[in-house]
Amino acid sequence: MKRRIEIRERKIDYTLLVSKRAKRMRMAIYCDGNFVVTAPQGMDLNMVERFIVGNSRWIINKLDYFKSFGDKIFVKTNRGDFLKYRPQARLLAESKIQIFNKLYKFEFNKINIRNQKTRWGSCSKKGNLNFNYKIALLPRHIADYIIAHELCHLVELNHSKNFWNFVKKLAPDYSEIRKELKRYSFITGPGSPSSV
C-alpha cells in the first residue's frame, strides 16, 4: 500500500507491507530510493507512523545518501547482505507470484532465494523458481518483471515468441524494462548479476 508522510518538513513516500510472518516493524530504504515499511498484521497505522517519525533522521540520511549516486545501483555480494536481504526477497517473490499466478495458475514446486553471481533468476525442469536475493535491491517494477519472467518459464523453458506472449500479459512493457535492466550500473566488480 503506497502512503505518504511528512517528516522533518519533507513529504516522504513509502510502501507499507503487512506480513503475517512479521513479529515486529522494520524498514528498508533501497538504493533506488524506495522506502518500505513492513508491519505485523493488525498493526495500527498510527503506530506505524510513530515508528517512522522516530527514525526520521536515519530515513532522511539514507534517502539523501542514495540520491547522491543518481541511478547507480549497489549490489553487494557478501554473505552478510545475503542473510539480511534474503527474507525481503522471499516475501517479494512469494507475494508477486501469488498475484501474477491468479492469471495463469501455473503449478510450481518451490521458491528458492539464492546468492547467485551471474543470474537474476531461473526456473528448473522440476518446477523450482529460483531468485537472486538482490531482486530486493532493485526498483520494484524491474524485480516484478524478473519474477514474471521466471514464472512464465514454468510452461515455456525457452525464449520463444509464445514465451514472450505469456510475459507480456504480466508485464506489458517488458521490452522497455529489459533495456532499463541492462543500463543499471552494478558497483561490485566481477560477478554482478547481468541478465535474466
N, C-alpha and C. Protein backbone atom coordinates (compact mmCIF):
# COMPACT_ATOMS: atom_id res chain seq x y z
N MET A 1 0.84 -1.17 0.00
CA MET A 1 0.00 0.00 0.00
C MET A 1 0.89 1.24 0.00
N LYS A 2 0.72 2.11 -0.97
CA LYS A 2 1.50 3.34 -1.08
C LYS A 2 0.94 4.39 -0.13
N ARG A 3 1.85 5.03 0.63
CA ARG A 3 1.41 6.06 1.56
C ARG A 3 2.41 7.21 1.53
N ARG A 4 2.04 8.33 2.14
CA ARG A 4 2.93 9.50 2.22
C ARG A 4 2.87 10.04 3.63
N ILE A 5 4.05 10.47 4.11
CA ILE A 5 4.13 11.04 5.46
C ILE A 5 5.06 12.24 5.41
N GLU A 6 4.82 13.21 6.29
CA GLU A 6 5.71 14.37 6.36
C GLU A 6 6.61 14.22 7.57
N ILE A 7 7.92 14.20 7.33
CA ILE A 7 8.89 14.15 8.42
C ILE A 7 9.99 15.17 8.14
N ARG A 8 10.36 15.90 9.16
CA ARG A 8 11.40 16.93 9.05
C ARG A 8 11.14 17.87 7.88
N GLU A 9 9.89 18.27 7.75
CA GLU A 9 9.43 19.23 6.73
C GLU A 9 9.61 18.71 5.30
N ARG A 10 9.65 17.38 5.17
CA ARG A 10 9.72 16.77 3.83
C ARG A 10 8.62 15.74 3.70
N LYS A 11 7.98 15.72 2.53
CA LYS A 11 6.97 14.71 2.25
C LYS A 11 7.68 13.48 1.69
N ILE A 12 7.50 12.37 2.37
CA ILE A 12 8.20 11.13 2.02
C ILE A 12 7.17 10.07 1.62
N ASP A 13 7.35 9.48 0.44
CA ASP A 13 6.50 8.37 0.02
C ASP A 13 7.09 7.07 0.53
N TYR A 14 6.22 6.17 0.96
CA TYR A 14 6.69 4.86 1.38
C TYR A 14 5.65 3.80 1.03
N THR A 15 6.10 2.56 1.02
CA THR A 15 5.21 1.43 0.79
C THR A 15 5.05 0.69 2.10
N LEU A 16 3.80 0.45 2.48
CA LEU A 16 3.52 -0.31 3.70
C LEU A 16 3.18 -1.74 3.32
N LEU A 17 3.99 -2.68 3.79
CA LEU A 17 3.72 -4.10 3.57
C LEU A 17 3.24 -4.69 4.89
N VAL A 18 2.13 -5.41 4.85
CA VAL A 18 1.61 -6.08 6.03
C VAL A 18 1.91 -7.57 5.88
N SER A 19 2.57 -8.13 6.89
CA SER A 19 3.04 -9.52 6.79
C SER A 19 2.57 -10.35 7.97
N LYS A 20 2.03 -11.53 7.67
CA LYS A 20 1.65 -12.46 8.74
C LYS A 20 2.88 -12.97 9.48
N ARG A 21 4.01 -13.03 8.76
CA ARG A 21 5.23 -13.56 9.36
C ARG A 21 5.95 -12.55 10.25
N ALA A 22 5.72 -11.27 10.01
CA ALA A 22 6.45 -10.24 10.76
C ALA A 22 6.03 -10.24 12.22
N LYS A 23 7.03 -10.22 13.10
CA LYS A 23 6.75 -10.16 14.54
C LYS A 23 6.96 -8.75 15.08
N ARG A 24 7.64 -7.92 14.28
CA ARG A 24 7.87 -6.54 14.69
C ARG A 24 7.96 -5.68 13.43
N MET A 25 7.91 -4.38 13.61
CA MET A 25 8.03 -3.48 12.47
C MET A 25 9.49 -3.39 12.04
N ARG A 26 9.70 -3.24 10.74
CA ARG A 26 11.04 -2.99 10.23
C ARG A 26 10.93 -2.11 8.99
N MET A 27 12.02 -1.48 8.63
CA MET A 27 12.00 -0.62 7.46
C MET A 27 13.25 -0.85 6.63
N ALA A 28 13.13 -0.55 5.36
CA ALA A 28 14.27 -0.67 4.44
C ALA A 28 14.19 0.45 3.43
N ILE A 29 15.35 1.01 3.12
CA ILE A 29 15.45 2.01 2.06
C ILE A 29 16.39 1.45 1.02
N TYR A 30 15.87 1.30 -0.19
CA TYR A 30 16.64 0.68 -1.26
C TYR A 30 17.41 1.73 -2.04
N CYS A 31 18.39 1.24 -2.79
CA CYS A 31 19.28 2.15 -3.49
C CYS A 31 18.58 2.96 -4.57
N ASP A 32 17.37 2.58 -4.97
CA ASP A 32 16.63 3.36 -5.97
C ASP A 32 15.74 4.40 -5.29
N GLY A 33 15.82 4.49 -3.95
CA GLY A 33 15.03 5.46 -3.23
C GLY A 33 13.72 4.92 -2.69
N ASN A 34 13.39 3.67 -3.00
CA ASN A 34 12.16 3.09 -2.47
C ASN A 34 12.29 2.87 -0.97
N PHE A 35 11.28 3.33 -0.25
CA PHE A 35 11.24 3.23 1.21
C PHE A 35 10.09 2.29 1.56
N VAL A 36 10.42 1.19 2.23
CA VAL A 36 9.42 0.15 2.52
C VAL A 36 9.37 -0.10 4.02
N VAL A 37 8.17 -0.08 4.57
CA VAL A 37 7.95 -0.41 5.97
C VAL A 37 7.14 -1.69 6.03
N THR A 38 7.63 -2.67 6.77
CA THR A 38 6.91 -3.94 6.95
C THR A 38 6.37 -3.97 8.37
N ALA A 39 5.08 -4.28 8.49
CA ALA A 39 4.43 -4.29 9.80
C ALA A 39 3.67 -5.59 9.99
N PRO A 40 3.58 -6.07 11.24
CA PRO A 40 2.77 -7.27 11.51
C PRO A 40 1.30 -7.02 11.19
N GLN A 41 0.60 -8.08 10.88
CA GLN A 41 -0.83 -7.96 10.57
C GLN A 41 -1.56 -7.41 11.79
N GLY A 42 -2.46 -6.46 11.56
CA GLY A 42 -3.25 -5.89 12.65
C GLY A 42 -2.61 -4.69 13.32
N MET A 43 -1.42 -4.32 12.88
CA MET A 43 -0.74 -3.17 13.48
C MET A 43 -1.48 -1.88 13.11
N ASP A 44 -1.70 -1.03 14.11
CA ASP A 44 -2.39 0.24 13.91
C ASP A 44 -1.52 1.19 13.10
N LEU A 45 -2.14 1.90 12.14
CA LEU A 45 -1.40 2.82 11.27
C LEU A 45 -0.71 3.93 12.07
N ASN A 46 -1.33 4.38 13.15
CA ASN A 46 -0.71 5.41 13.98
C ASN A 46 0.61 4.93 14.57
N MET A 47 0.68 3.66 14.95
CA MET A 47 1.91 3.10 15.48
C MET A 47 2.98 3.03 14.39
N VAL A 48 2.56 2.70 13.17
CA VAL A 48 3.49 2.65 12.05
C VAL A 48 4.10 4.03 11.81
N GLU A 49 3.25 5.04 11.82
CA GLU A 49 3.73 6.40 11.55
C GLU A 49 4.61 6.92 12.69
N ARG A 50 4.30 6.54 13.92
CA ARG A 50 5.17 6.92 15.04
C ARG A 50 6.54 6.27 14.90
N PHE A 51 6.55 5.03 14.44
CA PHE A 51 7.79 4.31 14.19
C PHE A 51 8.64 5.03 13.14
N ILE A 52 7.98 5.49 12.07
CA ILE A 52 8.69 6.23 11.01
C ILE A 52 9.24 7.54 11.54
N VAL A 53 8.41 8.29 12.24
CA VAL A 53 8.85 9.59 12.79
C VAL A 53 10.02 9.39 13.76
N GLY A 54 9.96 8.32 14.54
CA GLY A 54 11.03 8.04 15.50
C GLY A 54 12.37 7.74 14.84
N ASN A 55 12.32 7.34 13.58
CA ASN A 55 13.54 7.03 12.84
C ASN A 55 13.79 8.02 11.72
N SER A 56 13.23 9.23 11.85
CA SER A 56 13.25 10.19 10.75
C SER A 56 14.66 10.61 10.35
N ARG A 57 15.56 10.78 11.31
CA ARG A 57 16.93 11.19 10.98
C ARG A 57 17.60 10.14 10.08
N TRP A 58 17.50 8.89 10.49
CA TRP A 58 18.09 7.79 9.72
C TRP A 58 17.48 7.73 8.31
N ILE A 59 16.16 7.88 8.21
CA ILE A 59 15.47 7.81 6.92
C ILE A 59 15.96 8.90 5.98
N ILE A 60 15.97 10.13 6.45
CA ILE A 60 16.41 11.26 5.62
C ILE A 60 17.86 11.08 5.18
N ASN A 61 18.72 10.65 6.11
CA ASN A 61 20.13 10.45 5.77
C ASN A 61 20.30 9.40 4.68
N LYS A 62 19.56 8.28 4.80
CA LYS A 62 19.67 7.21 3.80
C LYS A 62 19.12 7.65 2.45
N LEU A 63 17.99 8.33 2.45
CA LEU A 63 17.40 8.79 1.19
C LEU A 63 18.35 9.75 0.47
N ASP A 64 18.94 10.67 1.23
CA ASP A 64 19.88 11.62 0.63
C ASP A 64 21.14 10.93 0.15
N TYR A 65 21.58 9.93 0.90
CA TYR A 65 22.79 9.20 0.51
C TYR A 65 22.60 8.51 -0.83
N PHE A 66 21.51 7.76 -0.97
CA PHE A 66 21.28 7.03 -2.22
C PHE A 66 21.00 7.98 -3.38
N LYS A 67 20.34 9.09 -3.09
CA LYS A 67 20.05 10.07 -4.14
C LYS A 67 21.33 10.65 -4.72
N SER A 68 22.37 10.75 -3.91
CA SER A 68 23.62 11.35 -4.37
C SER A 68 24.33 10.51 -5.43
N PHE A 69 23.93 9.24 -5.57
CA PHE A 69 24.56 8.38 -6.56
C PHE A 69 23.77 8.30 -7.86
N GLY A 70 22.74 9.10 -8.00
CA GLY A 70 21.95 9.08 -9.23
C GLY A 70 21.26 7.75 -9.40
N ASP A 71 21.36 7.17 -10.64
CA ASP A 71 20.64 5.92 -10.90
C ASP A 71 21.54 4.70 -10.84
N LYS A 72 22.69 4.81 -10.15
CA LYS A 72 23.54 3.64 -9.98
C LYS A 72 22.98 2.78 -8.85
N ILE A 73 23.11 1.48 -9.01
CA ILE A 73 22.60 0.56 -8.00
C ILE A 73 23.76 -0.18 -7.37
N PHE A 74 23.78 -0.23 -6.06
CA PHE A 74 24.78 -1.00 -5.36
C PHE A 74 24.25 -2.41 -5.14
N VAL A 75 24.96 -3.39 -5.63
CA VAL A 75 24.56 -4.78 -5.41
C VAL A 75 25.69 -5.47 -4.68
N LYS A 76 25.49 -5.72 -3.44
CA LYS A 76 26.54 -6.31 -2.63
C LYS A 76 26.53 -7.83 -2.78
N THR A 77 27.67 -8.44 -2.48
CA THR A 77 27.77 -9.88 -2.71
C THR A 77 28.26 -10.66 -1.50
N ASN A 78 28.38 -10.05 -0.35
CA ASN A 78 28.88 -10.82 0.79
C ASN A 78 27.76 -11.56 1.49
N ARG A 79 28.13 -12.52 2.30
CA ARG A 79 27.15 -13.39 2.96
C ARG A 79 26.24 -12.62 3.92
N GLY A 80 26.81 -11.61 4.56
CA GLY A 80 26.00 -10.82 5.50
C GLY A 80 24.83 -10.16 4.81
N ASP A 81 25.06 -9.63 3.61
CA ASP A 81 23.98 -8.99 2.86
C ASP A 81 22.97 -10.02 2.38
N PHE A 82 23.47 -11.19 2.01
CA PHE A 82 22.57 -12.28 1.60
C PHE A 82 21.60 -12.62 2.74
N LEU A 83 22.14 -12.78 3.94
CA LEU A 83 21.30 -13.12 5.09
C LEU A 83 20.35 -11.98 5.43
N LYS A 84 20.81 -10.75 5.23
CA LYS A 84 19.99 -9.58 5.55
C LYS A 84 18.82 -9.40 4.58
N TYR A 85 19.10 -9.55 3.28
CA TYR A 85 18.07 -9.25 2.27
C TYR A 85 17.28 -10.46 1.79
N ARG A 86 17.72 -11.67 2.13
CA ARG A 86 17.00 -12.86 1.68
C ARG A 86 15.54 -12.87 2.13
N PRO A 87 15.21 -12.55 3.40
CA PRO A 87 13.79 -12.56 3.79
C PRO A 87 12.95 -11.58 2.97
N GLN A 88 13.50 -10.40 2.67
CA GLN A 88 12.75 -9.42 1.87
C GLN A 88 12.55 -9.93 0.44
N ALA A 89 13.59 -10.56 -0.10
CA ALA A 89 13.48 -11.11 -1.45
C ALA A 89 12.44 -12.22 -1.50
N ARG A 90 12.40 -13.06 -0.47
CA ARG A 90 11.41 -14.14 -0.42
C ARG A 90 9.99 -13.59 -0.32
N LEU A 91 9.81 -12.61 0.55
CA LEU A 91 8.49 -12.00 0.71
C LEU A 91 8.03 -11.37 -0.61
N LEU A 92 8.95 -10.69 -1.27
CA LEU A 92 8.64 -10.06 -2.57
C LEU A 92 8.26 -11.12 -3.60
N ALA A 93 9.09 -12.16 -3.73
CA ALA A 93 8.84 -13.20 -4.74
C ALA A 93 7.53 -13.93 -4.46
N GLU A 94 7.31 -14.31 -3.22
CA GLU A 94 6.09 -15.06 -2.88
C GLU A 94 4.84 -14.22 -3.12
N SER A 95 4.87 -12.95 -2.72
CA SER A 95 3.67 -12.11 -2.87
C SER A 95 3.38 -11.83 -4.34
N LYS A 96 4.43 -11.57 -5.13
CA LYS A 96 4.21 -11.28 -6.55
C LYS A 96 3.76 -12.51 -7.32
N ILE A 97 4.32 -13.67 -6.99
CA ILE A 97 3.90 -14.90 -7.67
C ILE A 97 2.44 -15.19 -7.36
N GLN A 98 2.04 -14.95 -6.13
CA GLN A 98 0.64 -15.15 -5.77
C GLN A 98 -0.27 -14.25 -6.60
N ILE A 99 0.14 -13.01 -6.81
CA ILE A 99 -0.66 -12.07 -7.61
C ILE A 99 -0.64 -12.44 -9.09
N PHE A 100 0.57 -12.63 -9.63
CA PHE A 100 0.71 -12.93 -11.06
C PHE A 100 0.05 -14.26 -11.43
N ASN A 101 0.13 -15.23 -10.55
CA ASN A 101 -0.35 -16.57 -10.90
C ASN A 101 -1.87 -16.70 -10.82
N LYS A 102 -2.55 -15.64 -10.41
CA LYS A 102 -4.01 -15.66 -10.47
C LYS A 102 -4.47 -15.75 -11.92
N LEU A 103 -3.66 -15.20 -12.83
CA LEU A 103 -4.00 -15.23 -14.25
C LEU A 103 -3.76 -16.61 -14.85
N TYR A 104 -2.60 -17.20 -14.58
CA TYR A 104 -2.22 -18.45 -15.26
C TYR A 104 -2.45 -19.71 -14.44
N LYS A 105 -2.36 -19.61 -13.12
CA LYS A 105 -2.50 -20.78 -12.25
C LYS A 105 -1.49 -21.88 -12.61
N PHE A 106 -0.25 -21.46 -12.87
CA PHE A 106 0.82 -22.41 -13.16
C PHE A 106 1.17 -23.17 -11.88
N GLU A 107 1.50 -24.44 -12.03
CA GLU A 107 1.94 -25.23 -10.89
C GLU A 107 3.46 -25.16 -10.78
N PHE A 108 3.94 -24.97 -9.56
CA PHE A 108 5.38 -24.97 -9.35
C PHE A 108 5.69 -25.73 -8.08
N ASN A 109 6.95 -26.10 -7.95
CA ASN A 109 7.37 -26.91 -6.82
C ASN A 109 7.68 -26.04 -5.60
N LYS A 110 8.77 -25.26 -5.68
CA LYS A 110 9.11 -24.39 -4.55
C LYS A 110 9.85 -23.15 -5.04
N ILE A 111 9.94 -22.18 -4.15
CA ILE A 111 10.64 -20.93 -4.42
C ILE A 111 11.92 -20.91 -3.60
N ASN A 112 13.05 -20.68 -4.27
CA ASN A 112 14.34 -20.60 -3.60
C ASN A 112 14.92 -19.20 -3.77
N ILE A 113 15.53 -18.70 -2.71
CA ILE A 113 16.26 -17.43 -2.78
C ILE A 113 17.74 -17.75 -2.62
N ARG A 114 18.53 -17.36 -3.61
CA ARG A 114 19.94 -17.75 -3.63
C ARG A 114 20.85 -16.53 -3.79
N ASN A 115 22.12 -16.78 -3.54
CA ASN A 115 23.15 -15.77 -3.73
C ASN A 115 23.87 -16.09 -5.04
N GLN A 116 23.20 -15.84 -6.16
CA GLN A 116 23.76 -16.15 -7.47
C GLN A 116 24.65 -15.02 -7.95
N LYS A 117 25.70 -15.37 -8.68
CA LYS A 117 26.66 -14.36 -9.12
C LYS A 117 26.40 -13.86 -10.54
N THR A 118 25.67 -14.61 -11.33
CA THR A 118 25.50 -14.21 -12.74
C THR A 118 24.06 -14.19 -13.22
N ARG A 119 23.11 -14.58 -12.38
CA ARG A 119 21.72 -14.65 -12.84
C ARG A 119 20.79 -13.97 -11.84
N TRP A 120 19.76 -13.34 -12.37
CA TRP A 120 18.71 -12.75 -11.53
C TRP A 120 17.72 -13.81 -11.10
N GLY A 121 17.53 -14.82 -11.93
CA GLY A 121 16.57 -15.86 -11.59
C GLY A 121 16.68 -17.02 -12.56
N SER A 122 16.01 -18.11 -12.22
CA SER A 122 15.97 -19.27 -13.11
C SER A 122 14.76 -20.12 -12.74
N CYS A 123 14.41 -20.99 -13.67
CA CYS A 123 13.31 -21.93 -13.46
C CYS A 123 13.82 -23.31 -13.87
N SER A 124 13.73 -24.28 -12.98
CA SER A 124 14.24 -25.61 -13.28
C SER A 124 13.17 -26.49 -13.92
N LYS A 125 13.61 -27.58 -14.53
CA LYS A 125 12.67 -28.53 -15.14
C LYS A 125 11.77 -29.17 -14.10
N LYS A 126 12.19 -29.15 -12.84
CA LYS A 126 11.37 -29.71 -11.76
C LYS A 126 10.31 -28.73 -11.27
N GLY A 127 10.31 -27.52 -11.85
CA GLY A 127 9.32 -26.52 -11.46
C GLY A 127 9.73 -25.68 -10.27
N ASN A 128 11.03 -25.64 -9.98
CA ASN A 128 11.52 -24.77 -8.90
C ASN A 128 11.82 -23.38 -9.45
N LEU A 129 11.36 -22.37 -8.76
CA LEU A 129 11.62 -20.98 -9.14
C LEU A 129 12.73 -20.44 -8.24
N ASN A 130 13.83 -20.04 -8.85
CA ASN A 130 15.00 -19.57 -8.10
C ASN A 130 15.22 -18.09 -8.38
N PHE A 131 15.43 -17.32 -7.32
CA PHE A 131 15.64 -15.88 -7.48
C PHE A 131 16.88 -15.45 -6.71
N ASN A 132 17.60 -14.51 -7.29
CA ASN A 132 18.74 -13.90 -6.64
C ASN A 132 18.22 -12.99 -5.52
N TYR A 133 18.82 -13.06 -4.35
CA TYR A 133 18.36 -12.21 -3.25
C TYR A 133 18.44 -10.73 -3.61
N LYS A 134 19.27 -10.38 -4.60
CA LYS A 134 19.45 -8.99 -4.96
C LYS A 134 18.24 -8.38 -5.67
N ILE A 135 17.21 -9.20 -5.97
CA ILE A 135 15.99 -8.60 -6.52
C ILE A 135 15.39 -7.63 -5.50
N ALA A 136 15.68 -7.86 -4.22
CA ALA A 136 15.17 -6.97 -3.17
C ALA A 136 15.81 -5.58 -3.24
N LEU A 137 16.92 -5.45 -3.97
CA LEU A 137 17.63 -4.17 -4.08
C LEU A 137 17.28 -3.42 -5.35
N LEU A 138 16.50 -4.03 -6.21
CA LEU A 138 16.16 -3.43 -7.50
C LEU A 138 14.92 -2.55 -7.39
N PRO A 139 14.73 -1.61 -8.33
CA PRO A 139 13.44 -0.91 -8.42
C PRO A 139 12.34 -1.95 -8.56
N ARG A 140 11.23 -1.68 -7.93
CA ARG A 140 10.18 -2.69 -7.83
C ARG A 140 9.68 -3.18 -9.18
N HIS A 141 9.54 -2.29 -10.18
CA HIS A 141 8.99 -2.73 -11.47
C HIS A 141 9.96 -3.67 -12.19
N ILE A 142 11.27 -3.52 -11.93
CA ILE A 142 12.24 -4.43 -12.54
C ILE A 142 12.20 -5.79 -11.83
N ALA A 143 12.12 -5.77 -10.51
CA ALA A 143 12.00 -7.02 -9.75
C ALA A 143 10.73 -7.76 -10.16
N ASP A 144 9.64 -7.02 -10.35
CA ASP A 144 8.37 -7.64 -10.79
C ASP A 144 8.54 -8.34 -12.13
N TYR A 145 9.26 -7.68 -13.04
CA TYR A 145 9.48 -8.27 -14.36
C TYR A 145 10.28 -9.57 -14.24
N ILE A 146 11.32 -9.58 -13.42
CA ILE A 146 12.14 -10.78 -13.25
C ILE A 146 11.30 -11.93 -12.71
N ILE A 147 10.44 -11.63 -11.75
CA ILE A 147 9.58 -12.66 -11.16
C ILE A 147 8.58 -13.18 -12.20
N ALA A 148 7.97 -12.27 -12.96
CA ALA A 148 7.04 -12.68 -14.03
C ALA A 148 7.76 -13.53 -15.08
N HIS A 149 8.96 -13.13 -15.43
CA HIS A 149 9.77 -13.83 -16.43
C HIS A 149 9.97 -15.29 -16.02
N GLU A 150 10.42 -15.51 -14.79
CA GLU A 150 10.68 -16.89 -14.35
C GLU A 150 9.40 -17.67 -14.19
N LEU A 151 8.33 -17.03 -13.76
CA LEU A 151 7.04 -17.72 -13.64
C LEU A 151 6.60 -18.27 -14.99
N CYS A 152 6.79 -17.49 -16.04
CA CYS A 152 6.36 -17.92 -17.38
C CYS A 152 7.23 -19.05 -17.94
N HIS A 153 8.42 -19.21 -17.39
CA HIS A 153 9.27 -20.34 -17.81
C HIS A 153 8.70 -21.68 -17.33
N LEU A 154 7.74 -21.65 -16.43
CA LEU A 154 7.12 -22.90 -15.99
C LEU A 154 6.44 -23.64 -17.15
N VAL A 155 5.98 -22.87 -18.14
CA VAL A 155 5.33 -23.52 -19.29
C VAL A 155 6.15 -23.44 -20.56
N GLU A 156 7.11 -22.52 -20.58
CA GLU A 156 7.97 -22.37 -21.76
C GLU A 156 9.42 -22.22 -21.29
N LEU A 157 10.17 -23.31 -21.31
CA LEU A 157 11.56 -23.26 -20.86
C LEU A 157 12.47 -22.78 -22.00
N ASN A 158 12.10 -21.68 -22.60
CA ASN A 158 12.83 -21.11 -23.73
C ASN A 158 12.44 -19.64 -23.84
N HIS A 159 12.93 -18.98 -24.85
CA HIS A 159 12.56 -17.58 -25.08
C HIS A 159 11.87 -17.43 -26.44
N SER A 160 10.93 -18.32 -26.67
CA SER A 160 10.18 -18.30 -27.93
C SER A 160 9.17 -17.16 -27.93
N LYS A 161 8.55 -16.95 -29.07
CA LYS A 161 7.51 -15.93 -29.17
C LYS A 161 6.37 -16.24 -28.21
N ASN A 162 6.05 -17.50 -28.07
CA ASN A 162 4.99 -17.92 -27.16
C ASN A 162 5.32 -17.54 -25.72
N PHE A 163 6.59 -17.73 -25.34
CA PHE A 163 7.04 -17.35 -24.00
C PHE A 163 6.83 -15.86 -23.76
N TRP A 164 7.28 -15.03 -24.71
CA TRP A 164 7.16 -13.58 -24.54
C TRP A 164 5.70 -13.13 -24.54
N ASN A 165 4.83 -13.87 -25.19
CA ASN A 165 3.39 -13.57 -25.13
C ASN A 165 2.85 -13.77 -23.72
N PHE A 166 3.34 -14.82 -23.04
CA PHE A 166 2.95 -15.05 -21.64
C PHE A 166 3.46 -13.89 -20.77
N VAL A 167 4.73 -13.53 -20.96
CA VAL A 167 5.33 -12.46 -20.16
C VAL A 167 4.58 -11.14 -20.36
N LYS A 168 4.22 -10.87 -21.60
CA LYS A 168 3.57 -9.59 -21.94
C LYS A 168 2.27 -9.37 -21.18
N LYS A 169 1.56 -10.44 -20.89
CA LYS A 169 0.30 -10.30 -20.16
C LYS A 169 0.54 -9.87 -18.71
N LEU A 170 1.70 -10.24 -18.17
CA LEU A 170 2.02 -9.87 -16.79
C LEU A 170 2.82 -8.58 -16.72
N ALA A 171 3.62 -8.33 -17.75
CA ALA A 171 4.46 -7.12 -17.79
C ALA A 171 4.40 -6.55 -19.20
N PRO A 172 3.34 -5.79 -19.53
CA PRO A 172 3.15 -5.28 -20.89
C PRO A 172 4.33 -4.48 -21.43
N ASP A 173 5.08 -3.81 -20.56
CA ASP A 173 6.22 -3.00 -21.01
C ASP A 173 7.55 -3.72 -20.78
N TYR A 174 7.52 -5.06 -20.86
CA TYR A 174 8.70 -5.85 -20.55
C TYR A 174 9.92 -5.48 -21.39
N SER A 175 9.72 -5.12 -22.65
CA SER A 175 10.87 -4.82 -23.51
C SER A 175 11.61 -3.57 -23.02
N GLU A 176 10.86 -2.58 -22.55
CA GLU A 176 11.49 -1.38 -22.00
C GLU A 176 12.20 -1.69 -20.69
N ILE A 177 11.58 -2.54 -19.88
CA ILE A 177 12.19 -2.89 -18.60
C ILE A 177 13.49 -3.66 -18.82
N ARG A 178 13.52 -4.53 -19.81
CA ARG A 178 14.75 -5.27 -20.13
C ARG A 178 15.88 -4.32 -20.50
N LYS A 179 15.55 -3.30 -21.28
CA LYS A 179 16.56 -2.30 -21.64
C LYS A 179 17.04 -1.54 -20.40
N GLU A 180 16.11 -1.21 -19.54
CA GLU A 180 16.45 -0.48 -18.32
C GLU A 180 17.35 -1.33 -17.43
N LEU A 181 17.06 -2.60 -17.34
CA LEU A 181 17.85 -3.51 -16.52
C LEU A 181 19.30 -3.54 -16.99
N LYS A 182 19.49 -3.52 -18.29
CA LYS A 182 20.85 -3.55 -18.86
C LYS A 182 21.61 -2.25 -18.63
N ARG A 183 20.87 -1.15 -18.43
CA ARG A 183 21.53 0.16 -18.25
C ARG A 183 22.04 0.37 -16.83
N TYR A 184 21.55 -0.39 -15.88
CA TYR A 184 21.94 -0.17 -14.50
C TYR A 184 23.39 -0.53 -14.27
N SER A 185 24.05 0.27 -13.46
CA SER A 185 25.45 0.04 -13.11
C SER A 185 25.51 -0.68 -11.78
N PHE A 186 26.23 -1.77 -11.74
CA PHE A 186 26.39 -2.51 -10.51
C PHE A 186 27.81 -2.30 -9.99
N ILE A 187 27.93 -1.65 -8.87
CA ILE A 187 29.24 -1.24 -8.38
C ILE A 187 29.77 -2.30 -7.43
N THR A 188 30.15 -3.45 -8.02
CA THR A 188 30.71 -4.52 -7.20
C THR A 188 31.85 -5.22 -7.93
N GLY A 189 32.10 -4.86 -9.16
CA GLY A 189 33.15 -5.54 -9.90
C GLY A 189 32.64 -6.83 -10.50
N PRO A 190 33.53 -7.79 -10.82
CA PRO A 190 33.13 -9.03 -11.47
C PRO A 190 32.14 -9.82 -10.64
N GLY A 191 31.27 -10.55 -11.29
CA GLY A 191 30.35 -11.43 -10.60
C GLY A 191 28.99 -10.83 -10.31
N SER A 192 28.75 -9.60 -10.76
CA SER A 192 27.44 -8.99 -10.52
C SER A 192 26.41 -9.61 -11.45
N PRO A 193 25.13 -9.68 -11.01
CA PRO A 193 24.09 -10.15 -11.92
C PRO A 193 24.04 -9.29 -13.17
N SER A 194 23.80 -9.89 -14.28
CA SER A 194 23.83 -9.11 -15.51
C SER A 194 22.65 -9.34 -16.42
N SER A 195 21.98 -10.45 -16.32
CA SER A 195 20.89 -10.69 -17.27
C SER A 195 19.85 -11.63 -16.68
N VAL A 196 18.69 -11.62 -17.33
CA VAL A 196 17.61 -12.52 -16.95
C VAL A 196 17.56 -13.63 -17.96
